[in-house]
Amino acid sequence: MRTYEGGQMKIFGSTIALLGRSGCGKGTQSKLLIEWLRDRHGVGARYVYVGSECRALAKTDTISGQRMKMILDAGKLYYISHY
Protein backbone atom coordinates (compact mmCIF):
# COMPACT_ATOMS: atom_id res chain seq x y z
CA MET A 1 0.00 0.00 0.00
CA ARG A 2 1.31 3.45 -0.89
CA THR A 3 0.17 6.72 0.58
CA TYR A 4 1.37 10.22 -0.04
CA GLU A 5 1.77 12.64 2.85
CA GLY A 6 3.28 16.05 2.27
CA GLY A 7 4.67 15.02 -1.11
CA GLN A 8 6.52 12.01 0.33
CA MET A 9 5.67 8.45 -0.62
CA LYS A 10 5.15 6.04 2.27
CA ILE A 11 5.08 2.29 1.65
CA PHE A 12 3.57 -0.10 4.18
CA GLY A 13 3.77 -3.89 4.25
CA SER A 14 5.34 -4.43 0.84
CA THR A 15 7.57 -7.34 -0.11
CA ILE A 16 9.71 -7.48 -3.22
CA ALA A 17 11.22 -10.81 -4.27
CA LEU A 18 14.02 -11.03 -6.83
CA LEU A 19 14.38 -14.48 -8.35
CA GLY A 20 17.09 -15.88 -10.58
CA ARG A 21 20.02 -18.24 -10.88
CA SER A 22 23.18 -17.89 -8.81
CA GLY A 23 25.35 -15.01 -9.92
CA CYS A 24 22.72 -13.23 -12.01
CA GLY A 25 22.88 -10.03 -9.94
CA LYS A 26 20.00 -10.36 -7.46
CA GLY A 27 22.19 -9.16 -4.59
CA THR A 28 23.56 -6.22 -6.56
CA GLN A 29 20.10 -5.14 -7.72
CA SER A 30 18.73 -5.55 -4.18
CA LYS A 31 21.40 -3.26 -2.74
CA LEU A 32 20.72 -0.65 -5.44
CA LEU A 33 16.96 -0.87 -4.83
CA ILE A 34 17.41 -0.47 -1.06
CA GLU A 35 19.60 2.60 -1.57
CA TRP A 36 17.10 4.09 -4.03
CA LEU A 37 14.15 3.53 -1.67
CA ARG A 38 16.08 5.07 1.23
CA ASP A 39 17.55 8.05 -0.63
CA ARG A 40 14.64 8.93 -2.88
CA HIS A 41 11.63 8.01 -0.77
CA GLY A 42 12.94 7.77 2.80
CA VAL A 43 11.79 4.17 3.03
CA GLY A 44 13.74 1.76 5.21
CA ALA A 45 14.23 -1.66 3.61
CA ARG A 46 16.32 -4.72 4.18
CA TYR A 47 17.68 -7.54 2.08
CA VAL A 48 17.32 -11.14 3.26
CA TYR A 49 20.06 -13.38 1.89
CA VAL A 50 18.05 -16.53 1.27
CA GLY A 51 20.76 -18.09 -0.90
CA SER A 52 23.39 -17.97 1.83
CA GLU A 53 20.92 -19.45 4.31
CA CYS A 54 20.19 -22.30 1.88
CA ARG A 55 23.91 -22.94 1.30
CA ALA A 56 24.55 -22.99 5.07
CA LEU A 57 21.74 -25.52 5.52
CA ALA A 58 23.16 -27.67 2.69
CA LYS A 59 26.43 -27.98 4.65
CA THR A 60 24.71 -29.48 7.70
CA ASP A 61 24.51 -33.22 8.30
CA THR A 62 20.72 -33.35 8.54
CA ILE A 63 17.94 -34.69 6.33
CA SER A 64 16.96 -31.12 5.45
CA GLY A 65 20.58 -30.26 4.69
CA GLN A 66 20.99 -33.28 2.42
CA ARG A 67 17.77 -32.42 0.59
CA MET A 68 18.87 -28.80 0.17
CA LYS A 69 22.26 -29.92 -1.15
CA MET A 70 20.56 -32.09 -3.79
CA ILE A 71 18.33 -29.19 -4.86
CA LEU A 72 21.22 -26.71 -5.06
CA ASP A 73 23.53 -29.17 -6.85
CA ALA A 74 20.82 -29.71 -9.46
CA GLY A 75 20.48 -25.95 -9.94
CA LYS A 76 16.82 -25.96 -9.02
CA LEU A 77 14.79 -23.40 -7.09
CA TYR A 78 13.84 -24.30 -3.53
CA TYR A 79 10.24 -23.81 -2.55
CA ILE A 80 8.43 -24.04 0.75
CA SER A 81 5.23 -26.01 0.68
CA HIS A 82 2.52 -25.10 3.15
CA TYR A 83 0.55 -27.87 4.80
C-alpha atoms as a PDB file:
ATOM      1  CA  MET A   1       0.000   0.000   0.000  1.00  0.00           C
ATOM      2  CA  ARG A   2       1.312   3.447  -0.895  1.00  0.00           C
ATOM      3  CA  THR A   3       0.169   6.719   0.581  1.00  0.00           C
ATOM      4  CA  TYR A   4       1.374  10.223  -0.043  1.00  0.00           C
ATOM      5  CA  GLU A   5       1.775  12.639   2.845  1.00  0.00           C
ATOM      6  CA  GLY A   6       3.284  16.048   2.273  1.00  0.00           C
ATOM      7  CA  GLY A   7       4.668  15.019  -1.114  1.00  0.00           C
ATOM      8  CA  GLN A   8       6.524  12.013   0.328  1.00  0.00           C
ATOM      9  CA  MET A   9       5.668   8.450  -0.615  1.00  0.00           C
ATOM     10  CA  LYS A  10       5.154   6.038   2.267  1.00  0.00           C
ATOM     11  CA  ILE A  11       5.085   2.289   1.650  1.00  0.00           C
ATOM     12  CA  PHE A  12       3.571  -0.099   4.175  1.00  0.00           C
ATOM     13  CA  GLY A  13       3.771  -3.894   4.252  1.00  0.00           C
ATOM     14  CA  SER A  14       5.343  -4.430   0.841  1.00  0.00           C
ATOM     15  CA  THR A  15       7.570  -7.341  -0.111  1.00  0.00           C
ATOM     16  CA  ILE A  16       9.709  -7.477  -3.223  1.00  0.00           C
ATOM     17  CA  ALA A  17      11.222 -10.811  -4.270  1.00  0.00           C
ATOM     18  CA  LEU A  18      14.016 -11.031  -6.829  1.00  0.00           C
ATOM     19  CA  LEU A  19      14.381 -14.483  -8.349  1.00  0.00           C
ATOM     20  CA  GLY A  20      17.090 -15.882 -10.576  1.00  0.00           C
ATOM     21  CA  ARG A  21      20.016 -18.238 -10.879  1.00  0.00           C
ATOM     22  CA  SER A  22      23.178 -17.886  -8.811  1.00  0.00           C
ATOM     23  CA  GLY A  23      25.355 -15.006  -9.920  1.00  0.00           C
ATOM     24  CA  CYS A  24      22.722 -13.227 -12.009  1.00  0.00           C
ATOM     25  CA  GLY A  25      22.878 -10.033  -9.939  1.00  0.00           C
ATOM     26  CA  LYS A  26      20.004 -10.362  -7.458  1.00  0.00           C
ATOM     27  CA  GLY A  27      22.188  -9.163  -4.592  1.00  0.00           C
ATOM     28  CA  THR A  28      23.563  -6.225  -6.563  1.00  0.00           C
ATOM     29  CA  GLN A  29      20.105  -5.141  -7.716  1.00  0.00           C
ATOM     30  CA  SER A  30      18.726  -5.548  -4.177  1.00  0.00           C
ATOM     31  CA  LYS A  31      21.395  -3.259  -2.741  1.00  0.00           C
ATOM     32  CA  LEU A  32      20.718  -0.646  -5.435  1.00  0.00           C
ATOM     33  CA  LEU A  33      16.960  -0.871  -4.827  1.00  0.00           C
ATOM     34  CA  ILE A  34      17.408  -0.470  -1.059  1.00  0.00           C
ATOM     35  CA  GLU A  35      19.601   2.598  -1.572  1.00  0.00           C
ATOM     36  CA  TRP A  36      17.095   4.087  -4.033  1.00  0.00           C
ATOM     37  CA  LEU A  37      14.154   3.533  -1.673  1.00  0.00           C
ATOM     38  CA  ARG A  38      16.085   5.070   1.229  1.00  0.00           C
ATOM     39  CA  ASP A  39      17.549   8.050  -0.628  1.00  0.00           C
ATOM     40  CA  ARG A  40      14.642   8.935  -2.883  1.00  0.00           C
ATOM     41  CA  HIS A  41      11.631   8.009  -0.767  1.00  0.00           C
ATOM     42  CA  GLY A  42      12.942   7.771   2.796  1.00  0.00           C
ATOM     43  CA  VAL A  43      11.791   4.172   3.030  1.00  0.00           C
ATOM     44  CA  GLY A  44      13.737   1.763   5.209  1.00  0.00           C
ATOM     45  CA  ALA A  45      14.229  -1.657   3.614  1.00  0.00           C
ATOM     46  CA  ARG A  46      16.323  -4.724   4.181  1.00  0.00           C
ATOM     47  CA  TYR A  47      17.677  -7.543   2.081  1.00  0.00           C
ATOM     48  CA  VAL A  48      17.323 -11.136   3.256  1.00  0.00           C
ATOM     49  CA  TYR A  49      20.060 -13.383   1.888  1.00  0.00           C
ATOM     50  CA  VAL A  50      18.052 -16.533   1.270  1.00  0.00           C
ATOM     51  CA  GLY A  51      20.764 -18.086  -0.895  1.00  0.00           C
ATOM     52  CA  SER A  52      23.394 -17.973   1.827  1.00  0.00           C
ATOM     53  CA  GLU A  53      20.923 -19.448   4.306  1.00  0.00           C
ATOM     54  CA  CYS A  54      20.189 -22.302   1.884  1.00  0.00           C
ATOM     55  CA  ARG A  55      23.913 -22.941   1.299  1.00  0.00           C
ATOM     56  CA  ALA A  56      24.547 -22.990   5.070  1.00  0.00           C
ATOM     57  CA  LEU A  57      21.735 -25.521   5.521  1.00  0.00           C
ATOM     58  CA  ALA A  58      23.156 -27.672   2.695  1.00  0.00           C
ATOM     59  CA  LYS A  59      26.431 -27.975   4.649  1.00  0.00           C
ATOM     60  CA  THR A  60      24.714 -29.481   7.701  1.00  0.00           C
ATOM     61  CA  ASP A  61      24.508 -33.216   8.298  1.00  0.00           C
ATOM     62  CA  THR A  62      20.717 -33.347   8.542  1.00  0.00           C
ATOM     63  CA  ILE A  63      17.944 -34.691   6.331  1.00  0.00           C
ATOM     64  CA  SER A  64      16.956 -31.121   5.448  1.00  0.00           C
ATOM     65  CA  GLY A  65      20.580 -30.262   4.693  1.00  0.00           C
ATOM     66  CA  GLN A  66      20.989 -33.283   2.417  1.00  0.00           C
ATOM     67  CA  ARG A  67      17.770 -32.423   0.588  1.00  0.00           C
ATOM     68  CA  MET A  68      18.871 -28.805   0.165  1.00  0.00           C
ATOM     69  CA  LYS A  69      22.259 -29.924  -1.153  1.00  0.00           C
ATOM     70  CA  MET A  70      20.562 -32.087  -3.792  1.00  0.00           C
ATOM     71  CA  ILE A  71      18.328 -29.186  -4.857  1.00  0.00           C
ATOM     72  CA  LEU A  72      21.218 -26.713  -5.055  1.00  0.00           C
ATOM     73  CA  ASP A  73      23.529 -29.168  -6.850  1.00  0.00           C
ATOM     74  CA  ALA A  74      20.817 -29.714  -9.459  1.00  0.00           C
ATOM     75  CA  GLY A  75      20.478 -25.945  -9.942  1.00  0.00           C
ATOM     76  CA  LYS A  76      16.815 -25.959  -9.023  1.00  0.00           C
ATOM     77  CA  LEU A  77      14.793 -23.405  -7.088  1.00  0.00           C
ATOM     78  CA  TYR A  78      13.842 -24.300  -3.532  1.00  0.00           C
ATOM     79  CA  TYR A  79      10.245 -23.808  -2.549  1.00  0.00           C
ATOM     80  CA  ILE A  80       8.431 -24.042   0.746  1.00  0.00           C
ATOM     81  CA  SER A  81       5.226 -26.006   0.676  1.00  0.00           C
ATOM     82  CA  HIS A  82       2.521 -25.103   3.147  1.00  0.00           C
ATOM     83  CA  TYR A  83       0.550 -27.867   4.801  1.00  0.00           C
END
